[in-house]
Structure formats: structure tokens, C-alpha cells
Protein backbone atom coordinates (compact mmCIF):
# COMPACT_ATOMS: atom_id res chain seq x y z
CA MET A 1 55.69 91.49 41.84
CA HIS A 2 56.98 88.24 43.35
CA THR A 3 58.51 90.13 46.31
CA PHE A 4 55.26 92.02 46.93
CA ILE A 5 53.23 88.79 46.94
CA HIS A 6 55.77 87.13 49.24
CA ARG A 7 55.63 89.99 51.75
CA ALA A 8 51.85 90.21 51.53
CA HIS A 9 51.61 86.47 52.16
CA ILE A 10 53.76 86.75 55.29
CA TRP A 11 51.75 89.69 56.68
CA LEU A 12 48.43 88.07 55.82
CA GLY A 13 49.58 84.90 57.56
CA LEU A 14 50.48 86.83 60.70
CA ILE A 15 47.18 88.74 60.72
CA VAL A 16 45.08 85.63 60.12
CA ALA A 17 47.08 83.52 62.62
CA VAL A 18 45.93 85.55 65.65
CA PRO A 19 42.19 84.81 65.40
CA VAL A 20 42.88 81.23 64.24
CA LEU A 21 45.04 80.69 67.34
CA ALA A 22 42.34 82.14 69.59
CA TRP A 23 39.71 79.97 67.91
CA ALA A 24 41.88 76.85 68.27
CA THR A 25 42.66 77.47 71.96
CA SER A 26 39.00 78.10 72.75
CA GLY A 27 38.08 74.88 70.92
CA LEU A 28 40.68 73.04 73.01
CA LEU A 29 39.04 74.37 76.18
CA TYR A 30 35.67 73.13 74.95
CA ALA A 31 37.06 69.65 74.32
CA TRP A 32 38.76 69.58 77.73
CA PRO A 33 36.31 67.96 80.18
CA ASN A 34 34.83 70.38 82.73
CA ALA A 35 37.01 73.35 81.63
CA VAL A 36 33.90 75.10 80.34
CA GLU A 37 30.81 75.27 82.50
CA GLY A 38 28.25 72.78 81.30
CA GLY A 39 31.05 70.73 79.77
CA GLU A 40 29.86 67.48 81.30
CA VAL A 41 26.95 65.70 79.68
CA GLU A 42 24.28 64.25 81.95
CA ALA A 43 21.38 62.05 80.91
CA ILE A 44 18.00 63.77 81.01
CA ASP A 45 15.25 61.97 82.90
CA ALA A 46 12.38 62.39 80.41
CA ALA A 47 9.81 61.77 83.17
CA ARG A 48 10.91 65.01 84.86
CA VAL A 49 10.39 67.13 81.72
CA ARG A 50 6.89 68.61 82.03
CA LEU A 51 7.20 71.58 79.63
CA THR A 52 7.43 71.29 75.86
CA ALA A 53 9.89 73.41 73.93
CA SER A 54 7.01 75.67 72.77
CA GLU A 55 5.86 76.18 76.35
CA ALA A 56 9.43 76.98 77.43
CA LEU A 57 9.71 79.64 74.71
CA ALA A 58 6.34 81.09 75.76
CA ARG A 59 7.56 81.30 79.39
CA ALA A 60 10.79 83.02 78.24
CA ASN A 61 8.77 85.56 76.21
CA ALA A 62 6.46 86.22 79.16
CA PHE A 63 9.48 86.71 81.44
CA ALA A 64 10.97 89.27 79.04
CA GLY A 65 7.63 90.94 78.37
CA ARG A 66 8.11 90.62 74.60
CA ARG A 67 8.72 88.03 71.88
CA LEU A 68 12.41 87.17 72.06
CA PRO A 69 14.54 86.50 68.97
CA THR A 70 15.81 83.21 70.38
CA THR A 71 18.54 81.58 68.27
CA ALA A 72 18.88 78.33 70.23
CA LEU A 73 16.83 76.36 72.71
CA THR A 74 18.64 73.51 74.43
CA LEU A 75 17.36 70.99 76.93
CA LEU A 76 20.07 70.13 79.44
CA VAL A 77 20.68 69.16 83.03
CA ARG A 78 21.91 71.94 85.27
CA GLU A 79 22.51 71.39 88.97
CA GLY A 80 20.65 68.09 88.70
CA ARG A 81 17.49 69.62 87.16
CA PRO A 82 16.28 69.49 83.56
CA VAL A 83 16.19 73.01 82.14
CA TYR A 84 15.76 74.64 78.78
CA GLN A 85 18.37 77.24 77.93
CA ALA A 86 17.10 79.92 75.55
CA VAL A 87 20.01 81.74 73.88
CA GLY A 88 19.96 84.98 71.92
CA GLY A 89 16.87 86.47 73.43
CA LEU A 90 18.28 89.09 75.78
CA GLY A 91 21.42 90.22 74.01
CA ALA A 92 24.42 88.48 75.56
CA ASP A 93 22.25 86.93 78.29
CA SER A 94 20.37 83.68 78.06
CA LEU A 95 17.46 82.40 80.06
CA LEU A 96 17.00 79.16 81.96
CA ILE A 97 13.50 77.71 82.00
CA ASP A 98 13.00 74.91 84.51
CA ALA A 99 11.50 72.00 82.53
CA GLU A 100 9.61 70.77 85.60
CA THR A 101 8.21 73.94 87.15
CA GLY A 102 8.41 76.47 84.32
CA ALA A 103 10.32 78.96 86.50
CA VAL A 104 12.45 81.35 84.43
CA ILE A 105 15.71 82.97 85.52
CA LYS A 106 18.54 84.73 83.77
CA THR A 107 21.50 82.42 83.31
CA PRO A 108 24.07 83.19 86.04
CA PRO A 109 27.26 84.83 84.73
CA PRO A 110 29.81 82.27 83.56
CA GLY A 111 33.31 81.83 84.92
CA ALA A 112 36.42 83.27 83.25
CA LEU A 113 37.24 80.19 81.13
CA THR A 114 33.68 79.93 79.86
CA ARG A 115 33.56 83.65 79.01
CA TYR A 116 36.85 83.33 77.12
CA PHE A 117 35.57 80.26 75.29
CA ARG A 118 32.30 81.87 74.23
CA GLN A 119 33.76 85.21 73.25
CA THR A 120 36.65 83.71 71.33
CA HIS A 121 34.98 80.70 69.76
CA PHE A 122 31.68 82.29 68.79
CA TYR A 123 31.94 86.08 68.87
CA PHE A 124 35.65 87.00 68.46
CA PHE A 125 35.11 89.71 71.13
CA ALA A 126 33.43 91.70 68.34
CA GLY A 127 29.86 92.23 69.54
CA ALA A 128 27.89 93.88 66.73
CA TRP A 129 30.99 93.83 64.51
CA GLN A 130 31.05 90.01 64.51
CA VAL A 131 29.77 89.44 60.96
CA PRO A 132 31.84 92.16 59.22
CA LEU A 133 34.92 91.02 61.15
CA LEU A 134 34.40 87.38 60.17
CA ILE A 135 33.90 88.38 56.51
CA LEU A 136 37.11 90.44 56.60
CA LEU A 137 39.12 87.68 58.28
CA SER A 138 37.74 85.10 55.85
CA ALA A 139 38.75 87.29 52.91
CA LEU A 140 42.24 87.78 54.37
CA ALA A 141 42.59 84.04 55.00
CA SER A 142 41.55 83.37 51.39
CA LEU A 143 44.11 85.87 50.11
CA SER A 144 46.77 84.26 52.29
CA ALA A 145 45.92 80.81 50.94
CA LEU A 146 45.85 82.02 47.33
CA SER A 147 49.17 83.85 47.67
CA GLY A 148 50.65 80.73 49.29
CA ILE A 149 49.45 78.58 46.40
CA TYR A 150 50.90 81.08 43.91
CA LEU A 151 54.27 81.14 45.69
CA ASN A 152 54.34 77.36 45.96
CA VAL A 153 53.54 76.85 42.25
CA ARG A 154 56.13 79.43 41.28
CA TRP A 155 58.76 77.79 43.52
CA TRP A 156 58.12 74.33 42.05
CA ARG A 157 58.21 75.67 38.50
CA THR A 158 61.50 77.45 39.20
CA LYS A 159 62.95 74.31 40.80
CA SER A 160 61.75 72.17 37.89
CA SER A 161 63.20 74.53 35.26
CA ARG A 162 66.54 74.68 37.14
CA GLY A 163 66.71 70.89 37.14
CA LYS A 164 66.18 70.81 33.37
CA LYS A 165 68.89 73.45 32.84
CA ASP A 166 71.34 71.52 35.05
CA LYS A 167 70.74 68.36 32.98
CA ASN A 168 71.32 70.29 29.74
CA VAL A 169 74.56 71.86 31.03
CA ASP A 170 75.93 68.45 32.03
CA GLY A 171 75.11 67.14 28.57
CA LYS A 172 72.71 64.57 29.94
CA SER A 173 69.46 65.13 28.15
């Protein structure tokens, strides 16, 4: 049983390490200034923002011709202009709504580093399989942690009992 748990722990660790490594490297890219598009933070001139968030969502819905299931609406500066970015409404695409004029465009395709960051950090390249994949990887990571705890406890108990036996053999109790 001990051998099985040890081997399972090693394999689980290897399986879980791949997505954790991808997640960590994509997080590093995000923390690295300007590696990911939109990585720099610019102050928003509130006087230039003419649309409210509700109006921006209404413009995005009108652009799409339907009510979009938007998951995030962010006000940011892009190319020197304040814009709302509506995410989640058109599948993988997002929309940019100019906060001054109300003009709506699809967000231009990101560069390679940004695509890698988004796919790795948020979606695990899984598309519709994202949630089941994350549940599976979380379960495997939990099993890896539990098997590691079991092996560690067993190792310390074995080491502790050996120490007691060595003291008894030497006659030093």
C-alpha cells in the first residue's frame, strides 16, 4: 500500500506540476511591466468620461444586436483615450466602448504574449472544458497534497520509532 501511494504521489505531482508551471509563468508575464498588452496603468481623466457604465453596456448590446452576457466591464485608458472594455459578451472577443463618443469596436487581436497569458492564466487552453478541467486538476492536486501528507507523517513516525529502538538497543532509555 505504501509503495502504491508513493508512486501515485509522484505521478500526481508530475501531472499537477504542468498546469501549475503554466499558471506561474503566465502570472510572471502579467507582473512584468509591459509584457502583456495593457500592462501599464494610466490615470483616467474623469472629465473625458461622458458615458456611464450602464450606457456603455447598452451600446455594447446594441452593437451586438442582443443582450450580451458580459462578465466584466473595465474602464481603462487605451491609446490615450478612456474606454470601457466589456468582456465575455462575444465569446472569446471583447468590445471596446469609447467613454467619450460611445463608439463601439471589437477589441483588436492581442499579441502572442498576451494570448499566452490569457489562455494559460484564465482558460488553460480549455475553452468549454475549462470548468471540468479545473475541477479535475483541483481534485488531483488535493490527492497529491493528501498523499504527500500521508507519506510525510509515515516517514516521521518511522524515523521516530527507529530512534526509540536505537536508544533501547544501546541500553540508554
